[in-house]
C-alpha atoms as a PDB file:
ATOM      1  CA  UNK A   1      55.807 106.738  79.771  1.00  0.00           C
ATOM      2  CA  UNK A   2      59.601 106.172  78.549  1.00  0.00           C
ATOM      3  CA  UNK A   3      59.432 109.007  76.189  1.00  0.00           C
ATOM      4  CA  UNK A   4      58.291 111.584  78.872  1.00  0.00           C
ATOM      5  CA  UNK A   5      60.700 110.397  81.184  1.00  0.00           C
ATOM      6  CA  UNK A   6      63.006 110.645  78.824  1.00  0.00           C
ATOM      7  CA  UNK A   7      62.006 114.923  78.255  1.00  0.00           C
ATOM      8  CA  UNK A   8      62.146 115.317  81.626  1.00  0.00           C
ATOM      9  CA  UNK A   9      65.906 113.788  82.328  1.00  0.00           C
ATOM     10  CA  UNK A  10      66.517 115.722  78.897  1.00  0.00           C
ATOM     11  CA  UNK A  11      65.393 119.123  80.700  1.00  0.00           C
ATOM     12  CA  UNK A  12      66.648 118.732  83.714  1.00  0.00           C
ATOM     13  CA  UNK A  13      70.095 117.855  83.192  1.00  0.00           C
ATOM     14  CA  UNK A  14      71.547 121.425  81.683  1.00  0.00           C
ATOM     15  CA  UNK A  15      69.674 123.089  85.173  1.00  0.00           C
ATOM     16  CA  UNK A  16      71.573 120.354  87.133  1.00  0.00           C
ATOM     17  CA  UNK A  17      74.710 121.555  85.420  1.00  0.00           C
ATOM     18  CA  UNK A  18      73.709 125.511  86.262  1.00  0.00           C
ATOM     19  CA  UNK A  19      73.056 124.483  90.335  1.00  0.00           C
ATOM     20  CA  UNK A  20      77.046 122.543  90.051  1.00  0.00           C
ATOM     21  CA  UNK A  21      78.429 125.722  89.138  1.00  0.00           C
ATOM     22  CA  UNK A  22      76.646 128.169  91.301  1.00  0.00           C
ATOM     23  CA  UNK A  23      77.016 125.649  94.073  1.00  0.00           C
ATOM     24  CA  UNK A  24      80.591 125.732  93.397  1.00  0.00           C
ATOM     25  CA  UNK A  25      81.031 129.295  93.145  1.00  0.00           C
ATOM     26  CA  UNK A  26      79.140 130.555  96.104  1.00  0.00           C
ATOM     27  CA  UNK A  27      80.266 127.441  98.230  1.00  0.00           C
ATOM     28  CA  UNK A  28      77.051 126.126  99.015  1.00  0.00           C
ATOM     29  CA  UNK A  29      78.191 122.263  98.026  1.00  0.00           C
ATOM     30  CA  UNK A  30      81.128 122.162 100.355  1.00  0.00           C
ATOM     31  CA  UNK A  31      84.337 122.404  98.169  1.00  0.00           C
ATOM     32  CA  UNK A  32      82.838 119.275  95.974  1.00  0.00           C
ATOM     33  CA  UNK A  33      83.995 121.095  93.192  1.00  0.00           C
ATOM     34  CA  UNK A  34      87.230 120.683  94.211  1.00  0.00           C
ATOM     35  CA  UNK A  35      87.583 117.176  94.489  1.00  0.00           C
ATOM     36  CA  UNK A  36      88.281 114.897  91.947  1.00  0.00           C
ATOM     37  CA  UNK A  37      84.990 113.336  91.828  1.00  0.00           C
ATOM     38  CA  UNK A  38      82.997 116.686  91.859  1.00  0.00           C
ATOM     39  CA  UNK A  39      85.471 117.926  88.795  1.00  0.00           C
ATOM     40  CA  UNK A  40      85.399 114.194  87.012  1.00  0.00           C
ATOM     41  CA  UNK A  41      81.084 114.743  87.053  1.00  0.00           C
ATOM     42  CA  UNK A  42      81.650 118.201  85.782  1.00  0.00           C
ATOM     43  CA  UNK A  43      83.368 116.956  82.742  1.00  0.00           C
ATOM     44  CA  UNK A  44      80.837 114.385  82.329  1.00  0.00           C
ATOM     45  CA  UNK A  45      78.198 116.422  82.687  1.00  0.00           C
ATOM     46  CA  UNK A  46      79.485 119.156  80.135  1.00  0.00           C
ATOM     47  CA  UNK A  47      80.060 116.732  77.466  1.00  0.00           C
ATOM     48  CA  UNK A  48      76.794 114.069  77.871  1.00  0.00           C
ATOM     49  CA  UNK A  49      73.823 117.005  78.337  1.00  0.00           C
ATOM     50  CA  UNK A  50      74.311 118.255  74.861  1.00  0.00           C
ATOM     51  CA  UNK A  51      74.392 114.809  73.323  1.00  0.00           C
ATOM     52  CA  UNK A  52      71.145 113.896  75.418  1.00  0.00           C
ATOM     53  CA  UNK A  53      69.504 117.232  73.731  1.00  0.00           C
ATOM     54  CA  UNK A  54      70.424 116.560  70.568  1.00  0.00           C
ATOM     55  CA  UNK A  55      69.224 113.394  70.609  1.00  0.00           C
ATOM     56  CA  UNK A  56      65.980 114.533  72.294  1.00  0.00           C
ATOM     57  CA  UNK A  57      65.800 117.008  69.691  1.00  0.00           C
ATOM     58  CA  UNK A  58      66.071 114.543  66.801  1.00  0.00           C
ATOM     59  CA  UNK A  59      63.688 112.319  68.679  1.00  0.00           C
ATOM     60  CA  UNK A  60      60.898 115.165  68.724  1.00  0.00           C
ATOM     61  CA  UNK A  61      61.537 116.078  64.739  1.00  0.00           C
ATOM     62  CA  UNK A  62      61.158 112.040  63.730  1.00  0.00           C
ATOM     63  CA  UNK A  63      58.032 112.175  65.580  1.00  0.00           C
ATOM     64  CA  UNK A  64      56.402 115.335  64.566  1.00  0.00           C
ATOM     65  CA  UNK A  65      56.974 114.166  61.282  1.00  0.00           C
ATOM     66  CA  UNK A  66      55.614 110.425  62.005  1.00  0.00           C
ATOM     67  CA  UNK A  67      52.328 111.958  63.494  1.00  0.00           C
ATOM     68  CA  UNK A  68      52.114 114.413  60.764  1.00  0.00           C
ATOM     69  CA  UNK A  69      52.301 111.953  57.793  1.00  0.00           C
ATOM     70  CA  UNK A  70      50.441 109.116  59.453  1.00  0.00           C
ATOM     71  CA  UNK A  71      47.449 111.786  60.604  1.00  0.00           C
ATOM     72  CA  UNK A  72      47.300 114.037  57.708  1.00  0.00           C
ATOM     73  CA  UNK A  73      47.768 116.922  59.812  1.00  0.00           C
ATOM     74  CA  UNK A  74      50.116 120.131  59.651  1.00  0.00           C
ATOM     75  CA  UNK A  75      53.472 119.514  61.242  1.00  0.00           C
ATOM     76  CA  UNK A  76      53.352 120.512  65.149  1.00  0.00           C
ATOM     77  CA  UNK A  77      56.639 122.690  65.970  1.00  0.00           C
ATOM     78  CA  UNK A  78      56.008 122.569  70.060  1.00  0.00           C
ATOM     79  CA  UNK A  79      57.786 119.799  71.466  1.00  0.00           C
ATOM     80  CA  UNK A  80      60.539 120.260  68.866  1.00  0.00           C
ATOM     81  CA  UNK A  81      60.656 124.024  69.314  1.00  0.00           C
ATOM     82  CA  UNK A  82      60.634 123.020  73.538  1.00  0.00           C
ATOM     83  CA  UNK A  83      63.832 120.258  72.566  1.00  0.00           C
ATOM     84  CA  UNK A  84      65.530 123.105  70.252  1.00  0.00           C
ATOM     85  CA  UNK A  85      65.249 125.475  73.212  1.00  0.00           C
ATOM     86  CA  UNK A  86      66.753 123.347  75.896  1.00  0.00           C
ATOM     87  CA  UNK A  87      69.739 122.229  73.303  1.00  0.00           C
ATOM     88  CA  UNK A  88      70.483 125.540  73.020  1.00  0.00           C
ATOM     89  CA  UNK A  89      70.661 126.103  76.685  1.00  0.00           C
ATOM     90  CA  UNK A  90      72.911 123.213  77.040  1.00  0.00           C
ATOM     91  CA  UNK A  91      75.451 124.667  74.613  1.00  0.00           C
ATOM     92  CA  UNK A  92      74.840 128.084  75.870  1.00  0.00           C
ATOM     93  CA  UNK A  93      75.926 126.921  79.647  1.00  0.00           C
ATOM     94  CA  UNK A  94      79.329 124.795  77.824  1.00  0.00           C
ATOM     95  CA  UNK A  95      80.054 128.010  76.198  1.00  0.00           C
ATOM     96  CA  UNK A  96      79.573 129.938  79.359  1.00  0.00           C
ATOM     97  CA  UNK A  97      81.531 126.601  81.670  1.00  0.00           C
ATOM     98  CA  UNK A  98      84.790 127.147  78.989  1.00  0.00           C
ATOM     99  CA  UNK A  99      84.605 131.015  79.240  1.00  0.00           C
ATOM    100  CA  UNK A 100      85.407 130.590  82.758  1.00  0.00           C
ATOM    101  CA  UNK A 101      88.082 128.052  82.922  1.00  0.00           C
ATOM    102  CA  UNK A 102      91.066 129.132  83.396  1.00  0.00           C
ATOM    103  CA  UNK A 103      94.700 127.742  82.107  1.00  0.00           C
END
């Protein structure tokens, strides 16, 4: 139960950052992104999402190795692949947001 919740949160956080950006861009969140609180949330998610997704990737790699060692079966790359996909997505979203920043 706990690991599935962690997976759901880790997979949905990059989409939340995308929605926050698009909501601010098209003014769907009524100027929330221009407030101090909105900017703080954006920075918090900007830093937190890659950290959470990298920890999810490490957990999935560790679990797949443990399960393969205990069952004597080949290593499954499905869940580490999904975690890697979301980790790369979070990095790409961060790079995109950095490219949109105006000095």
